[in-house]
């Protein structure tokens, strides 16, 4: 079906007191049939819901308004509003159940194509001081042994919350997303510095165009970013039992001080007591399973 598209001149954008930009674009569309499909017209115009404006890139396409000319039925008029102001996917904060579905007044695209909402906050934690922040050396006492009890200092991690919408989700595998660490760099964050604290989903319903209900899932993910990678964790090789090489025979022996009292001693990485003056040995342990976030979230 041949369709001719003319963009009307006179685009005007304004900026409000909060710095949000808004305006609209208008098109005249000429078709060769009396029964033109709105989908074909939208496709011919080539602007989708949530597309950036070509000049005011901070503004995205919002609700389209498509009308048929009253005097010439082969002519259609399309106006798309643009705005950089934030908005919610549904207009009724307390709606969304089967009995009270939210309105579909600001949805043109299916849930997967609605832009996710990102939020960033700070989380204060008490962290064991293991490494000197300036020199990078391990923190030990004058005997070159970690402090007991360990030294704790206030520290800050970043919390990232992402809300998005989808028509389907695998409930049985939702648990497998918790406590995952990124196995590759993601969204500019280095490898192994992100951990999924929470991933939850709930059903939501909207009034569909033409009647009926549109069912989908509202998903929320909380990710915690740490400058110190989550994997691997370095643990001092120490214990109250050591391996003793007795003329080629390896045996286990309790560690004791000069008076026979049990003690904990540093080990050399092979189970034997670390000789005095040698560098402490730290073993690496992966505390969390790793996975590419692009496969368990969205690219």
Protein backbone atom coordinates (compact mmCIF):
# COMPACT_ATOMS: atom_id res chain seq x y z
CA UNK A 1 0.00 0.00 0.00
CA UNK A 2 1.72 3.23 -1.14
CA UNK A 3 1.95 5.81 1.64
CA UNK A 4 3.35 9.32 1.30
CA UNK A 5 4.57 11.09 4.44
CA UNK A 6 5.06 14.86 4.85
CA UNK A 7 6.41 16.29 8.10
CA UNK A 8 4.75 19.58 8.86
CA UNK A 9 7.05 22.53 9.68
CA UNK A 10 6.85 24.66 12.81
CA UNK A 11 8.21 22.41 15.55
CA UNK A 12 8.36 24.37 18.81
CA UNK A 13 9.99 23.12 22.00
CA UNK A 14 9.93 24.78 25.40
CA UNK A 15 11.81 24.27 28.67
CA UNK A 16 9.98 24.46 32.00
CA UNK A 17 11.28 25.72 35.35
CA UNK A 18 12.68 22.27 36.18
CA UNK A 19 14.68 22.11 32.98
CA UNK A 20 12.44 19.54 31.26
CA UNK A 21 12.04 19.98 27.49
CA UNK A 22 8.73 19.30 25.75
CA UNK A 23 7.16 19.80 22.33
CA UNK A 24 5.67 17.84 19.44
CA UNK A 25 6.14 16.84 15.81
CA UNK A 26 3.35 16.63 13.22
CA UNK A 27 2.97 14.70 9.97
CA UNK A 28 0.52 14.59 7.06
CA UNK A 29 0.10 11.08 5.64
CA UNK A 30 -1.55 10.35 2.32
CA UNK A 31 -2.71 6.77 1.57
CA UNK A 32 -4.36 5.15 -1.44
CA UNK A 33 -7.09 3.25 0.41
CA UNK A 34 -10.09 4.06 2.56
CA UNK A 35 -9.16 1.36 5.08
CA UNK A 36 -5.64 2.30 6.03
CA UNK A 37 -4.08 0.42 8.93
CA UNK A 38 -2.72 2.60 11.78
CA UNK A 39 0.20 0.17 12.08
CA UNK A 40 1.13 0.77 8.42
CA UNK A 41 0.96 4.54 8.99
CA UNK A 42 3.16 4.39 12.10
CA UNK A 43 5.65 2.23 10.20
CA UNK A 44 5.75 4.65 7.27
CA UNK A 45 6.43 7.61 9.60
CA UNK A 46 9.24 5.62 11.23
CA UNK A 47 9.02 7.07 14.74
CA UNK A 48 8.45 4.64 17.59
CA UNK A 49 7.30 5.23 21.13
CA UNK A 50 10.24 6.26 23.34
CA UNK A 51 12.48 7.17 20.38
CA UNK A 52 14.75 10.16 21.00
CA UNK A 53 14.01 13.43 19.28
CA UNK A 54 16.54 13.98 16.45
CA UNK A 55 17.61 17.38 17.83
CA UNK A 56 16.44 17.51 21.47
CA UNK A 57 17.91 14.11 22.31
CA UNK A 58 16.96 14.33 25.99
CA UNK A 59 13.27 14.27 24.98
CA UNK A 60 11.61 11.01 23.99
CA UNK A 61 8.44 10.29 22.00
CA UNK A 62 5.35 9.92 24.15
CA UNK A 63 1.66 9.46 23.29
CA UNK A 64 0.81 9.51 19.56
CA UNK A 65 -2.40 11.10 18.27
CA UNK A 66 -3.56 9.78 14.89
CA UNK A 67 -6.67 11.28 13.27
CA UNK A 68 -8.32 11.00 9.86
CA UNK A 69 -8.93 14.19 7.90
CA UNK A 70 -12.63 15.14 8.01
CA UNK A 71 -12.75 16.37 4.41
CA UNK A 72 -10.32 13.99 2.70
CA UNK A 73 -10.52 10.42 4.00
CA UNK A 74 -7.22 9.34 2.37
CA UNK A 75 -5.36 11.94 4.44
CA UNK A 76 -4.30 11.24 8.00
CA UNK A 77 -2.68 13.52 10.57
CA UNK A 78 -0.23 12.28 13.18
CA UNK A 79 1.08 14.25 16.15
CA UNK A 80 3.62 12.83 18.58
CA UNK A 81 4.42 14.60 21.82
CA UNK A 82 7.98 14.63 23.13
CA UNK A 83 9.17 15.27 26.66
CA UNK A 84 12.24 14.80 28.83
CA UNK A 85 10.17 14.78 32.04
CA UNK A 86 10.04 11.48 34.00
CA UNK A 87 6.84 9.47 34.00
CA UNK A 88 5.43 6.22 35.35
CA UNK A 89 4.45 3.38 33.04
CA UNK A 90 0.96 3.29 34.53
CA UNK A 91 -1.01 6.29 35.57
CA UNK A 92 -2.64 4.91 38.70
CA UNK A 93 -0.19 4.02 41.50
CA UNK A 94 -2.71 1.87 43.38
CA UNK A 95 -4.15 0.09 40.34
CA UNK A 96 -2.93 -2.80 38.30
CA UNK A 97 -4.99 -5.75 39.55
CA UNK A 98 -7.47 -7.77 37.50
CA UNK A 99 -10.28 -6.00 39.35
CA UNK A 100 -8.75 -2.51 38.94
CA UNK A 101 -6.46 -2.46 35.90
CA UNK A 102 -4.48 0.70 35.26
CA UNK A 103 -5.18 2.80 32.20
CA UNK A 104 -3.36 2.23 28.96
CA UNK A 105 -3.36 5.94 28.09
CA UNK A 106 0.42 6.32 27.83
CA UNK A 107 1.34 2.98 26.28
CA UNK A 108 1.93 2.46 22.60
CA UNK A 109 4.57 -0.22 22.78
CA UNK A 110 4.41 -3.62 24.44
CA UNK A 111 5.94 -3.83 27.93
CA UNK A 112 9.39 -5.06 26.82
CA UNK A 113 9.92 -1.87 24.80
CA UNK A 114 9.12 0.52 27.61
CA UNK A 115 12.29 2.15 28.92
CA UNK A 116 13.56 0.80 32.26
CA UNK A 117 13.76 3.14 35.26
CA UNK A 118 17.23 3.38 36.86
CA UNK A 119 17.92 4.69 40.35
CA UNK A 120 21.25 5.02 42.19
CA UNK A 121 21.68 5.35 45.96
CA UNK A 122 24.46 4.99 48.54
CA UNK A 123 24.78 2.16 51.06
CA UNK A 124 27.07 2.55 54.07
CA UNK A 125 28.72 -0.60 55.37
CA UNK A 126 31.40 -1.50 57.93
CA UNK A 127 34.24 -3.16 56.06
CA UNK A 128 37.16 -5.16 57.46
CA UNK A 129 40.33 -3.22 56.68
CA UNK A 130 42.38 -5.85 54.88
CA UNK A 131 44.44 -3.74 52.44
CA UNK A 132 46.02 -0.32 52.84
CA UNK A 133 44.07 2.01 50.53
CA UNK A 134 47.21 3.94 49.51
CA UNK A 135 50.01 1.36 49.40
CA UNK A 136 47.96 -1.71 48.54
CA UNK A 137 49.79 -3.81 51.17
CA UNK A 138 47.97 -6.09 53.61
CA UNK A 139 47.25 -4.58 57.03
CA UNK A 140 49.02 -6.48 59.81
CA UNK A 141 50.22 -5.84 63.36
CA UNK A 142 53.91 -5.57 64.32
CA UNK A 143 54.13 -9.37 64.37
CA UNK A 144 53.01 -9.30 60.72
CA UNK A 145 49.76 -10.99 61.63
CA UNK A 146 46.19 -9.70 60.92
CA UNK A 147 44.60 -7.80 63.78
CA UNK A 148 42.31 -9.79 66.06
CA UNK A 149 39.63 -8.54 66.34
CA UNK A 150 39.89 -7.11 62.82
CA UNK A 151 39.83 -3.36 62.19
CA UNK A 152 36.55 -2.17 60.65
CA UNK A 153 36.09 1.13 58.84
CA UNK A 154 33.00 2.87 57.34
CA UNK A 155 32.76 2.33 53.61
CA UNK A 156 30.28 3.09 50.84
CA UNK A 157 28.84 0.86 48.14
CA UNK A 158 26.50 1.92 45.35
CA UNK A 159 23.00 0.46 45.12
CA UNK A 160 21.50 0.29 41.64
CA UNK A 161 17.77 -0.28 41.28
CA UNK A 162 16.29 -1.12 37.89
CA UNK A 163 12.54 -1.36 37.29
CA UNK A 164 11.38 -2.82 33.99
CA UNK A 165 8.41 -4.59 32.41
CA UNK A 166 8.08 -7.85 30.51
CA UNK A 167 5.26 -10.10 29.30
CA UNK A 168 6.86 -13.32 30.52
CA UNK A 169 9.30 -14.50 33.16
CA UNK A 170 10.58 -17.88 34.31
CA UNK A 171 9.48 -18.02 37.94
CA UNK A 172 11.28 -21.32 38.55
CA UNK A 173 14.63 -19.74 37.67
CA UNK A 174 14.11 -16.47 39.55
CA UNK A 175 16.00 -17.80 42.56
CA UNK A 176 19.07 -18.49 40.42
CA UNK A 177 19.51 -14.78 39.74
CA UNK A 178 20.08 -13.86 43.39
CA UNK A 179 23.64 -13.42 44.63
CA UNK A 180 25.10 -13.61 41.13
CA UNK A 181 28.30 -11.65 40.36
CA UNK A 182 28.99 -10.21 36.90
CA UNK A 183 31.44 -12.47 35.04
CA UNK A 184 32.16 -9.71 32.51
CA UNK A 185 32.16 -5.92 32.45
CA UNK A 186 28.57 -4.60 32.26
CA UNK A 187 27.28 -1.07 31.62
CA UNK A 188 30.75 0.33 32.34
CA UNK A 189 31.17 -1.52 35.66
CA UNK A 190 34.30 -3.72 35.90
CA UNK A 191 34.13 -7.49 36.11
CA UNK A 192 33.13 -9.03 39.47
CA UNK A 193 32.23 -5.69 41.09
CA UNK A 194 28.43 -6.14 40.83
CA UNK A 195 26.24 -8.49 42.85
CA UNK A 196 22.49 -9.00 42.51
CA UNK A 197 20.98 -8.50 45.96
CA UNK A 198 17.38 -8.93 44.90
CA UNK A 199 15.32 -9.76 41.81
CA UNK A 200 11.56 -9.74 42.23
CA UNK A 201 8.51 -9.69 40.00
CA UNK A 202 4.77 -9.19 40.37
CA UNK A 203 1.83 -9.35 37.98
CA UNK A 204 0.22 -6.18 36.66
CA UNK A 205 -2.82 -5.58 34.50
CA UNK A 206 -3.77 -2.71 32.17
CA UNK A 207 -6.80 -1.94 30.09
CA UNK A 208 -5.89 -3.00 26.57
CA UNK A 209 -6.76 -0.97 23.50
CA UNK A 210 -10.06 -2.21 22.14
CA UNK A 211 -11.11 -3.78 25.42
CA UNK A 212 -9.90 -6.64 27.54
CA UNK A 213 -6.85 -6.80 29.79
CA UNK A 214 -3.15 -6.59 29.09
CA UNK A 215 -1.21 -8.81 31.49
CA UNK A 216 2.50 -8.40 32.15
CA UNK A 217 5.16 -8.51 34.87
CA UNK A 218 6.66 -5.63 36.81
CA UNK A 219 10.25 -6.55 37.65
CA UNK A 220 12.65 -4.90 40.05
CA UNK A 221 16.36 -5.65 40.42
CA UNK A 222 18.71 -4.39 43.14
CA UNK A 223 22.42 -4.56 42.31
CA UNK A 224 25.22 -3.63 44.70
CA UNK A 225 28.50 -2.25 43.33
CA UNK A 226 31.70 -2.63 45.33
CA UNK A 227 35.08 -1.18 44.42
CA UNK A 228 36.60 -4.30 45.96
CA UNK A 229 35.60 -7.23 43.70
CA UNK A 230 33.13 -9.73 45.19
CA UNK A 231 35.23 -12.57 43.78
CA UNK A 232 37.72 -13.87 44.69
CA UNK A 233 38.04 -13.27 48.42
CA UNK A 234 41.55 -13.49 49.89
CA UNK A 235 41.69 -15.46 53.14
CA UNK A 236 44.80 -15.75 55.29
CA UNK A 237 46.19 -19.27 55.29
CA UNK A 238 46.24 -20.08 59.02
CA UNK A 239 45.01 -22.75 61.37
CA UNK A 240 45.31 -24.59 64.65
CA UNK A 241 46.47 -27.75 62.87
CA UNK A 242 49.58 -27.96 60.67
CA UNK A 243 51.29 -30.58 58.53
CA UNK A 244 54.66 -31.78 59.76
CA UNK A 245 57.15 -33.54 57.47
CA UNK A 246 58.63 -36.23 59.72
CA UNK A 247 61.43 -37.85 57.68
CA UNK A 248 59.27 -37.95 54.60
CA UNK A 249 56.13 -38.97 56.46
CA UNK A 250 53.46 -36.29 56.46
CA UNK A 251 51.40 -36.07 59.64
CA UNK A 252 49.05 -33.63 61.28
CA UNK A 253 49.93 -31.90 64.51
CA UNK A 254 48.10 -29.49 66.80
CA UNK A 255 49.69 -26.04 66.99
CA UNK A 256 50.80 -25.11 70.51
CA UNK A 257 52.78 -22.39 72.16
CA UNK A 258 55.80 -22.90 74.44
CA UNK A 259 53.61 -23.84 77.39
CA UNK A 260 51.51 -26.35 75.45
CA UNK A 261 48.45 -24.15 74.96
CA UNK A 262 46.68 -24.42 71.56
CA UNK A 263 47.29 -21.49 69.18
CA UNK A 264 46.57 -20.48 65.61
CA UNK A 265 49.62 -20.06 63.36
CA UNK A 266 50.08 -18.82 59.79
CA UNK A 267 50.63 -21.57 57.21
CA UNK A 268 52.79 -21.57 54.08
CA UNK A 269 50.14 -22.51 51.49
CA UNK A 270 50.99 -26.24 51.77
CA UNK A 271 49.71 -26.81 55.28
CA UNK A 272 53.06 -26.36 57.01
CA UNK A 273 53.81 -23.65 59.56
CA UNK A 274 55.06 -20.48 57.91
CA UNK A 275 58.73 -19.81 58.76
CA UNK A 276 59.36 -16.61 60.71
CA UNK A 277 60.02 -13.66 58.41
CA UNK A 278 58.30 -15.15 55.34
CA UNK A 279 55.47 -13.26 53.67
CA UNK A 280 51.99 -14.20 54.75
CA UNK A 281 50.13 -16.50 52.35
CA UNK A 282 46.55 -15.73 51.31
CA UNK A 283 44.30 -18.27 49.61
CA UNK A 284 41.68 -17.17 47.08
CA UNK A 285 38.09 -18.35 47.42
CA UNK A 286 35.15 -17.54 45.15
CA UNK A 287 32.21 -16.78 47.42
CA UNK A 288 29.62 -16.24 44.65
CA UNK A 289 28.63 -17.85 41.38
CA UNK A 290 29.35 -15.73 38.32
CA UNK A 291 27.27 -15.10 35.23
CA UNK A 292 27.12 -12.58 32.40
CA UNK A 293 24.55 -9.96 33.40
CA UNK A 294 23.63 -9.44 29.75
CA UNK A 295 22.10 -12.93 29.76
CA UNK A 296 20.19 -12.78 33.06
CA UNK A 297 19.02 -9.18 32.86
CA UNK A 298 18.81 -7.25 29.60
CA UNK A 299 21.63 -6.31 27.21
